[in-house]
Amino acid sequence: MADPERPRLLEVGAALFWAAFVLVWPFVEDPLVARFGVRPFAAWFLANLLLFPTASRRLPPELSLGWIDLAAFLVLIAGAIATDARVFLSLLPAWIYASLARIFAASLRTDASVVERVALRLEPNAPEFIRPYCRAITGFWAAVFLLNALGIAALALFAPPAWWRAYTGWICWLVFAALSAVEFVVRKIHFRNYDGGPIDSAFEFFFPADGNEMGRRANAYKGEMRRAQGRPERGR
């Protein structure tokens, strides 16, 4: 498969803006909606959707928004415009996480899962044997995003607005941080690939690099790569 065309600077800037806006939306929804109203804001969201199809076409199809994602977005925006009900805007974070869950799950039906793609971007020489772990973690985050979407939707529909703001504003990010920390520990124990430093030293003390088959395999591969690149041996 040919590499997709790289996004233009304007598209990258728009994507970064939207990523930042999603992060702060729970904090700014109250004053912005109070000032501008539900319908103008919904129309603004709809207008900005025009920025995404061009950038989306430059991604692999399985990593792009699909028709079901766009249809769900349009239903929320149409509901907000038709009813002037704020709840439709409060459901947008749930839509985002549901779309992420679908994208992560869809990538499991391809040769390279989302996590594997990221790993290969960070380390192009990553070995083939990391694929099962990457696929498992991709499935894990797909489930987390789906549960998060369902939780946010339930809060938006049935709970006081303060609960929705608290969860989407900071509680879910604490949950993500905790889950990321757990995944880091699991990954370290699974691969036992250490490069020195106090954290690696602590892990190596309790979980020696040669203590399991994957650790021996991962560190043997790392040694081969260092020798092939003429780099000095470091760590295990």
C-alpha atoms as a PDB file:
ATOM      1  CA  MET A   1       0.000   0.000   0.000  1.00  0.00           C
ATOM      2  CA  ALA A   2       1.369   3.403  -0.958  1.00  0.00           C
ATOM      3  CA  ASP A   3       1.973   5.885   1.806  1.00  0.00           C
ATOM      4  CA  PRO A   4      -0.825   8.445   2.040  1.00  0.00           C
ATOM      5  CA  GLU A   5      -0.131  12.008   1.002  1.00  0.00           C
ATOM      6  CA  ARG A   6       1.121  14.113   3.884  1.00  0.00           C
ATOM      7  CA  PRO A   7      -1.304  16.684   5.300  1.00  0.00           C
ATOM      8  CA  ARG A   8      -0.666  20.331   4.474  1.00  0.00           C
ATOM      9  CA  LEU A   9       0.412  22.785   7.177  1.00  0.00           C
ATOM     10  CA  LEU A  10      -3.092  24.279   7.371  1.00  0.00           C
ATOM     11  CA  GLU A  11      -4.593  20.839   7.944  1.00  0.00           C
ATOM     12  CA  VAL A  12      -2.049  20.023  10.655  1.00  0.00           C
ATOM     13  CA  GLY A  13      -2.801  23.341  12.329  1.00  0.00           C
ATOM     14  CA  ALA A  14      -6.538  22.667  12.184  1.00  0.00           C
ATOM     15  CA  ALA A  15      -6.054  19.192  13.688  1.00  0.00           C
ATOM     16  CA  LEU A  16      -3.949  20.616  16.536  1.00  0.00           C
ATOM     17  CA  PHE A  17      -6.530  23.310  17.181  1.00  0.00           C
ATOM     18  CA  TRP A  18      -9.326  20.759  17.387  1.00  0.00           C
ATOM     19  CA  ALA A  19      -7.297  18.498  19.653  1.00  0.00           C
ATOM     20  CA  ALA A  20      -6.689  21.421  22.027  1.00  0.00           C
ATOM     21  CA  PHE A  21     -10.328  22.510  21.801  1.00  0.00           C
ATOM     22  CA  VAL A  22     -11.540  19.033  22.736  1.00  0.00           C
ATOM     23  CA  LEU A  23      -9.344  19.129  25.846  1.00  0.00           C
ATOM     24  CA  VAL A  24     -10.741  22.436  27.073  1.00  0.00           C
ATOM     25  CA  TRP A  25     -14.366  22.026  25.883  1.00  0.00           C
ATOM     26  CA  PRO A  26     -15.725  20.793  29.250  1.00  0.00           C
ATOM     27  CA  PHE A  27     -14.276  23.922  30.895  1.00  0.00           C
ATOM     28  CA  VAL A  28     -15.507  26.449  28.314  1.00  0.00           C
ATOM     29  CA  GLU A  29     -18.872  24.988  27.304  1.00  0.00           C
ATOM     30  CA  ASP A  30     -20.802  26.893  29.978  1.00  0.00           C
ATOM     31  CA  PRO A  31     -19.587  30.432  29.173  1.00  0.00           C
ATOM     32  CA  LEU A  32     -19.460  29.908  25.406  1.00  0.00           C
ATOM     33  CA  VAL A  33     -22.939  28.436  25.124  1.00  0.00           C
ATOM     34  CA  ALA A  34     -24.327  31.068  27.511  1.00  0.00           C
ATOM     35  CA  ARG A  35     -22.834  33.820  25.353  1.00  0.00           C
ATOM     36  CA  PHE A  36     -23.456  32.499  21.830  1.00  0.00           C
ATOM     37  CA  GLY A  37     -26.235  29.954  22.257  1.00  0.00           C
ATOM     38  CA  VAL A  38     -26.579  26.307  21.250  1.00  0.00           C
ATOM     39  CA  ARG A  39     -27.599  26.785  17.613  1.00  0.00           C
ATOM     40  CA  PRO A  40     -24.751  29.134  16.582  1.00  0.00           C
ATOM     41  CA  PHE A  41     -22.231  26.846  18.223  1.00  0.00           C
ATOM     42  CA  ALA A  42     -23.697  23.769  16.536  1.00  0.00           C
ATOM     43  CA  ALA A  43     -23.543  25.563  13.175  1.00  0.00           C
ATOM     44  CA  TRP A  44     -19.912  26.452  13.873  1.00  0.00           C
ATOM     45  CA  PHE A  45     -19.087  22.803  14.574  1.00  0.00           C
ATOM     46  CA  LEU A  46     -20.792  21.814  11.343  1.00  0.00           C
ATOM     47  CA  ALA A  47     -18.859  24.421   9.341  1.00  0.00           C
ATOM     48  CA  ASN A  48     -15.560  23.197  10.744  1.00  0.00           C
ATOM     49  CA  LEU A  49     -16.368  19.637   9.684  1.00  0.00           C
ATOM     50  CA  LEU A  50     -15.502  20.785   6.168  1.00  0.00           C
ATOM     51  CA  LEU A  51     -11.852  20.944   7.228  1.00  0.00           C
ATOM     52  CA  PHE A  52     -11.689  17.252   8.053  1.00  0.00           C
ATOM     53  CA  PRO A  53     -12.544  15.288   4.883  1.00  0.00           C
ATOM     54  CA  THR A  54      -9.457  16.598   3.055  1.00  0.00           C
ATOM     55  CA  ALA A  55      -7.079  15.726   5.887  1.00  0.00           C
ATOM     56  CA  SER A  56      -8.885  12.437   6.520  1.00  0.00           C
ATOM     57  CA  ARG A  57      -8.309  11.261   2.948  1.00  0.00           C
ATOM     58  CA  ARG A  58      -4.567  11.551   3.543  1.00  0.00           C
ATOM     59  CA  LEU A  59      -4.731   8.908   6.280  1.00  0.00           C
ATOM     60  CA  PRO A  60      -5.020   5.151   5.820  1.00  0.00           C
ATOM     61  CA  PRO A  61      -8.746   4.368   5.470  1.00  0.00           C
ATOM     62  CA  GLU A  62      -8.853   2.353   8.686  1.00  0.00           C
ATOM     63  CA  LEU A  63      -7.514   5.350  10.663  1.00  0.00           C
ATOM     64  CA  SER A  64      -9.956   7.872   9.201  1.00  0.00           C
ATOM     65  CA  LEU A  65     -13.421   8.884  10.305  1.00  0.00           C
ATOM     66  CA  GLY A  66     -15.905   6.527   8.700  1.00  0.00           C
ATOM     67  CA  TRP A  67     -19.415   7.147   7.459  1.00  0.00           C
ATOM     68  CA  ILE A  68     -20.884   5.947  10.741  1.00  0.00           C
ATOM     69  CA  ASP A  69     -18.764   8.474  12.682  1.00  0.00           C
ATOM     70  CA  LEU A  70     -19.812  11.315  10.383  1.00  0.00           C
ATOM     71  CA  ALA A  71     -23.466  10.234  10.497  1.00  0.00           C
ATOM     72  CA  ALA A  72     -23.451  10.224  14.309  1.00  0.00           C
ATOM     73  CA  PHE A  73     -21.829  13.676  14.333  1.00  0.00           C
ATOM     74  CA  LEU A  74     -24.449  15.039  11.941  1.00  0.00           C
ATOM     75  CA  VAL A  75     -27.258  13.594  14.071  1.00  0.00           C
ATOM     76  CA  LEU A  76     -25.912  15.412  17.143  1.00  0.00           C
ATOM     77  CA  ILE A  77     -25.458  18.699  15.279  1.00  0.00           C
ATOM     78  CA  ALA A  78     -28.878  18.430  13.627  1.00  0.00           C
ATOM     79  CA  GLY A  79     -30.447  17.729  17.016  1.00  0.00           C
ATOM     80  CA  ALA A  80     -28.773  20.775  18.542  1.00  0.00           C
ATOM     81  CA  ILE A  81     -29.893  23.047  15.706  1.00  0.00           C
ATOM     82  CA  ALA A  82     -33.447  21.674  15.629  1.00  0.00           C
ATOM     83  CA  THR A  83     -34.112  21.699  19.373  1.00  0.00           C
ATOM     84  CA  ASP A  84     -31.648  24.279  20.755  1.00  0.00           C
ATOM     85  CA  ALA A  85     -30.956  21.665  23.462  1.00  0.00           C
ATOM     86  CA  ARG A  86     -27.523  21.835  25.018  1.00  0.00           C
ATOM     87  CA  VAL A  87     -27.388  18.114  25.724  1.00  0.00           C
ATOM     88  CA  PHE A  88     -26.485  17.438  22.086  1.00  0.00           C
ATOM     89  CA  LEU A  89     -23.305  19.498  22.472  1.00  0.00           C
ATOM     90  CA  SER A  90     -22.535  17.739  25.757  1.00  0.00           C
ATOM     91  CA  LEU A  91     -22.655  14.444  23.852  1.00  0.00           C
ATOM     92  CA  LEU A  92     -19.837  15.499  21.492  1.00  0.00           C
ATOM     93  CA  PRO A  93     -17.040  14.205  23.798  1.00  0.00           C
ATOM     94  CA  ALA A  94     -18.848  10.848  23.882  1.00  0.00           C
ATOM     95  CA  TRP A  95     -18.914  10.899  20.070  1.00  0.00           C
ATOM     96  CA  ILE A  96     -15.161  11.541  19.969  1.00  0.00           C
ATOM     97  CA  TYR A  97     -14.341   8.591  22.227  1.00  0.00           C
ATOM     98  CA  ALA A  98     -16.781   6.318  20.408  1.00  0.00           C
ATOM     99  CA  SER A  99     -15.105   7.223  17.105  1.00  0.00           C
ATOM    100  CA  LEU A 100     -11.680   6.501  18.598  1.00  0.00           C
ATOM    101  CA  ALA A 101     -12.948   3.149  19.859  1.00  0.00           C
ATOM    102  CA  ARG A 102     -14.213   2.256  16.383  1.00  0.00           C
ATOM    103  CA  ILE A 103     -10.936   3.320  14.727  1.00  0.00           C
ATOM    104  CA  PHE A 104      -8.817   1.327  17.184  1.00  0.00           C
ATOM    105  CA  ALA A 105     -11.058  -1.730  16.832  1.00  0.00           C
ATOM    106  CA  ALA A 106     -11.116  -1.462  13.032  1.00  0.00           C
ATOM    107  CA  SER A 107      -7.309  -1.407  12.912  1.00  0.00           C
ATOM    108  CA  LEU A 108      -7.313  -4.884  14.481  1.00  0.00           C
ATOM    109  CA  ARG A 109      -8.737  -6.190  11.214  1.00  0.00           C
ATOM    110  CA  THR A 110      -5.698  -4.904   9.302  1.00  0.00           C
ATOM    111  CA  ASP A 111      -2.049  -5.961   9.178  1.00  0.00           C
ATOM    112  CA  ALA A 112      -0.941  -3.223  11.584  1.00  0.00           C
ATOM    113  CA  SER A 113      -2.934  -2.075  14.598  1.00  0.00           C
ATOM    114  CA  VAL A 114      -2.937   1.555  15.720  1.00  0.00           C
ATOM    115  CA  VAL A 115      -0.452   0.896  18.536  1.00  0.00           C
ATOM    116  CA  GLU A 116       1.854  -1.005  16.186  1.00  0.00           C
ATOM    117  CA  ARG A 117       1.806   1.904  13.731  1.00  0.00           C
ATOM    118  CA  VAL A 118       2.777   4.295  16.526  1.00  0.00           C
ATOM    119  CA  ALA A 119       5.501   1.931  17.754  1.00  0.00           C
ATOM    120  CA  LEU A 120       6.979   1.681  14.252  1.00  0.00           C
ATOM    121  CA  ARG A 121       6.916   5.463  13.922  1.00  0.00           C
ATOM    122  CA  LEU A 122       8.873   5.773  17.159  1.00  0.00           C
ATOM    123  CA  GLU A 123      11.192   2.844  16.433  1.00  0.00           C
ATOM    124  CA  PRO A 124      11.312   1.832  12.755  1.00  0.00           C
ATOM    125  CA  ASN A 125      13.524  -1.164  13.620  1.00  0.00           C
ATOM    126  CA  ALA A 126      11.078  -2.592  16.133  1.00  0.00           C
ATOM    127  CA  PRO A 127      11.003  -6.417  15.906  1.00  0.00           C
ATOM    128  CA  GLU A 128       8.124  -8.449  14.535  1.00  0.00           C
ATOM    129  CA  PHE A 129       7.494 -10.147  17.871  1.00  0.00           C
ATOM    130  CA  ILE A 130       6.020  -6.970  19.404  1.00  0.00           C
ATOM    131  CA  ARG A 131       2.927  -7.309  17.171  1.00  0.00           C
ATOM    132  CA  PRO A 132       0.794  -9.500  19.510  1.00  0.00           C
ATOM    133  CA  TYR A 133       1.383  -7.124  22.403  1.00  0.00           C
ATOM    134  CA  CYS A 134       0.571  -4.086  20.231  1.00  0.00           C
ATOM    135  CA  ARG A 135      -2.651  -5.718  19.083  1.00  0.00           C
ATOM    136  CA  ALA A 136      -3.647  -6.563  22.645  1.00  0.00           C
ATOM    137  CA  ILE A 137      -3.028  -2.986  23.792  1.00  0.00           C
ATOM    138  CA  THR A 138      -4.957  -1.628  20.802  1.00  0.00           C
ATOM    139  CA  GLY A 139      -7.930  -3.783  21.794  1.00  0.00           C
ATOM    140  CA  PHE A 140      -7.565  -2.669  25.403  1.00  0.00           C
ATOM    141  CA  TRP A 141      -7.703   1.040  24.482  1.00  0.00           C
ATOM    142  CA  ALA A 142     -10.609   0.420  22.116  1.00  0.00           C
ATOM    143  CA  ALA A 143     -12.565  -0.998  25.071  1.00  0.00           C
ATOM    144  CA  VAL A 144     -11.480   1.882  27.338  1.00  0.00           C
ATOM    145  CA  PHE A 145     -12.585   4.492  24.797  1.00  0.00           C
ATOM    146  CA  LEU A 146     -15.929   2.748  24.305  1.00  0.00           C
ATOM    147  CA  LEU A 147     -16.611   2.549  28.037  1.00  0.00           C
ATOM    148  CA  ASN A 148     -15.587   6.179  28.393  1.00  0.00           C
ATOM    149  CA  ALA A 149     -17.989   7.176  25.606  1.00  0.00           C
ATOM    150  CA  LEU A 150     -20.845   5.309  27.268  1.00  0.00           C
ATOM    151  CA  GLY A 151     -20.048   6.870  30.639  1.00  0.00           C
ATOM    152  CA  ILE A 152     -19.937  10.410  29.248  1.00  0.00           C
ATOM    153  CA  ALA A 153     -23.198   9.843  27.352  1.00  0.00           C
ATOM    154  CA  ALA A 154     -24.897   8.578  30.511  1.00  0.00           C
ATOM    155  CA  LEU A 155     -23.714  11.616  32.481  1.00  0.00           C
ATOM    156  CA  ALA A 156     -24.829  14.012  29.747  1.00  0.00           C
ATOM    157  CA  LEU A 157     -28.293  12.439  29.554  1.00  0.00           C
ATOM    158  CA  PHE A 158     -29.102  11.534  33.149  1.00  0.00           C
ATOM    159  CA  ALA A 159     -26.744  13.254  35.612  1.00  0.00           C
ATOM    160  CA  PRO A 160     -26.440  16.844  36.870  1.00  0.00           C
ATOM    161  CA  PRO A 161     -24.277  19.019  34.559  1.00  0.00           C
ATOM    162  CA  ALA A 162     -21.678  19.405  37.312  1.00  0.00           C
ATOM    163  CA  TRP A 163     -21.031  15.651  37.218  1.00  0.00           C
ATOM    164  CA  TRP A 164     -20.514  15.743  33.458  1.00  0.00           C
ATOM    165  CA  ARG A 165     -18.101  18.686  33.761  1.00  0.00           C
ATOM    166  CA  ALA A 166     -16.131  17.000  36.542  1.00  0.00           C
ATOM    167  CA  TYR A 167     -15.747  13.713  34.709  1.00  0.00           C
ATOM    168  CA  THR A 168     -14.979  15.064  31.240  1.00  0.00           C
ATOM    169  CA  GLY A 169     -12.881  17.913  32.624  1.00  0.00           C
ATOM    170  CA  TRP A 170     -10.409  16.048  34.808  1.00  0.00           C
ATOM    171  CA  ILE A 171     -11.578  12.693  36.193  1.00  0.00           C
ATOM    172  CA  CYS A 172     -11.359  10.838  32.868  1.00  0.00           C
ATOM    173  CA  TRP A 173      -7.848  12.199  32.340  1.00  0.00           C
ATOM    174  CA  LEU A 174      -6.807  10.869  35.736  1.00  0.00           C
ATOM    175  CA  VAL A 175      -8.256   7.495  34.697  1.00  0.00           C
ATOM    176  CA  PHE A 176      -6.309   7.621  31.423  1.00  0.00           C
ATOM    177  CA  ALA A 177      -3.114   8.547  33.278  1.00  0.00           C
ATOM    178  CA  ALA A 178      -3.575   5.660  35.724  1.00  0.00           C
ATOM    179  CA  LEU A 179      -4.269   3.173  32.920  1.00  0.00           C
ATOM    180  CA  SER A 180      -1.244   4.426  30.972  1.00  0.00           C
ATOM    181  CA  ALA A 181       0.924   3.941  34.059  1.00  0.00           C
ATOM    182  CA  VAL A 182      -0.379   0.398  34.488  1.00  0.00           C
ATOM    183  CA  GLU A 183       0.286  -0.348  30.817  1.00  0.00           C
ATOM    184  CA  PHE A 184       3.844   0.999  31.196  1.00  0.00           C
ATOM    185  CA  VAL A 185       4.471  -1.367  34.123  1.00  0.00           C
ATOM    186  CA  VAL A 186       2.974  -4.335  32.256  1.00  0.00           C
ATOM    187  CA  ARG A 187       5.082  -3.538  29.169  1.00  0.00           C
ATOM    188  CA  LYS A 188       8.269  -3.304  31.230  1.00  0.00           C
ATOM    189  CA  ILE A 189       7.582  -6.605  32.956  1.00  0.00           C
ATOM    190  CA  HIS A 190       6.630  -8.290  29.686  1.00  0.00           C
ATOM    191  CA  PHE A 191       9.591  -7.199  27.538  1.00  0.00           C
ATOM    192  CA  ARG A 192      12.177  -6.471  30.287  1.00  0.00           C
ATOM    193  CA  ASN A 193      14.078  -4.203  27.932  1.00  0.00           C
ATOM    194  CA  TYR A 194      16.220  -1.964  30.137  1.00  0.00           C
ATOM    195  CA  ASP A 195      18.573   0.880  29.281  1.00  0.00           C
ATOM    196  CA  GLY A 196      19.678   2.077  32.694  1.00  0.00           C
ATOM    197  CA  GLY A 197      18.370   4.885  34.855  1.00  0.00           C
ATOM    198  CA  PRO A 198      16.676   4.611  38.249  1.00  0.00           C
ATOM    199  CA  ILE A 199      13.328   3.345  36.924  1.00  0.00           C
ATOM    200  CA  ASP A 200      14.923   0.645  34.764  1.00  0.00           C
ATOM    201  CA  SER A 201      17.233  -0.297  37.609  1.00  0.00           C
ATOM    202  CA  ALA A 202      14.261  -0.806  39.934  1.00  0.00           C
ATOM    203  CA  PHE A 203      12.458  -2.937  37.380  1.00  0.00           C
ATOM    204  CA  GLU A 204      15.580  -4.966  36.681  1.00  0.00           C
ATOM    205  CA  PHE A 205      16.054  -5.637  40.386  1.00  0.00           C
ATOM    206  CA  PHE A 206      12.595  -7.196  40.703  1.00  0.00           C
ATOM    207  CA  PHE A 207      12.230  -8.488  37.143  1.00  0.00           C
ATOM    208  CA  PRO A 208      15.645  -9.528  35.726  1.00  0.00           C
ATOM    209  CA  ALA A 209      16.082  -9.143  31.985  1.00  0.00           C
ATOM    210  CA  ASP A 210      16.738 -12.856  31.536  1.00  0.00           C
ATOM    211  CA  GLY A 211      13.894 -13.889  33.839  1.00  0.00           C
ATOM    212  CA  ASN A 212      11.479 -14.831  31.071  1.00  0.00           C
ATOM    213  CA  GLU A 213      11.596 -15.891  27.438  1.00  0.00           C
ATOM    214  CA  MET A 214      10.352 -12.556  26.068  1.00  0.00           C
ATOM    215  CA  GLY A 215      12.947 -10.655  28.071  1.00  0.00           C
ATOM    216  CA  ARG A 216      15.768 -12.830  26.692  1.00  0.00           C
ATOM    217  CA  ARG A 217      14.379 -12.454  23.170  1.00  0.00           C
ATOM    218  CA  ALA A 218      13.917  -8.686  23.378  1.00  0.00           C
ATOM    219  CA  ASN A 219      17.350  -8.035  24.801  1.00  0.00           C
ATOM    220  CA  ALA A 220      19.051 -10.374  22.321  1.00  0.00           C
ATOM    221  CA  TYR A 221      17.399  -8.448  19.501  1.00  0.00           C
ATOM    222  CA  LYS A 222      18.454  -5.123  20.998  1.00  0.00           C
ATOM    223  CA  GLY A 223      22.040  -6.351  21.249  1.00  0.00           C
ATOM    224  CA  GLU A 224      22.015  -7.469  17.612  1.00  0.00           C
ATOM    225  CA  MET A 225      20.705  -4.081  16.493  1.00  0.00           C
ATOM    226  CA  ARG A 226      23.319  -2.192  18.478  1.00  0.00           C
ATOM    227  CA  ARG A 227      26.107  -4.287  17.001  1.00  0.00           C
ATOM    228  CA  ALA A 228      24.716  -3.903  13.481  1.00  0.00           C
ATOM    229  CA  GLN A 229      24.623  -0.126  13.931  1.00  0.00           C
ATOM    230  CA  GLY A 230      28.063   0.024  15.522  1.00  0.00           C
ATOM    231  CA  ARG A 231      26.640   1.354  18.775  1.00  0.00           C
ATOM    232  CA  PRO A 232      28.115   0.480  22.182  1.00  0.00           C
ATOM    233  CA  GLU A 233      26.325  -2.013  24.353  1.00  0.00           C
ATOM    234  CA  ARG A 234      24.300  -0.397  27.109  1.00  0.00           C
ATOM    235  CA  GLY A 235      21.951  -1.821  29.683  1.00  0.00           C
ATOM    236  CA  ARG A 236      20.690  -5.333  29.192  1.00  0.00           C
END
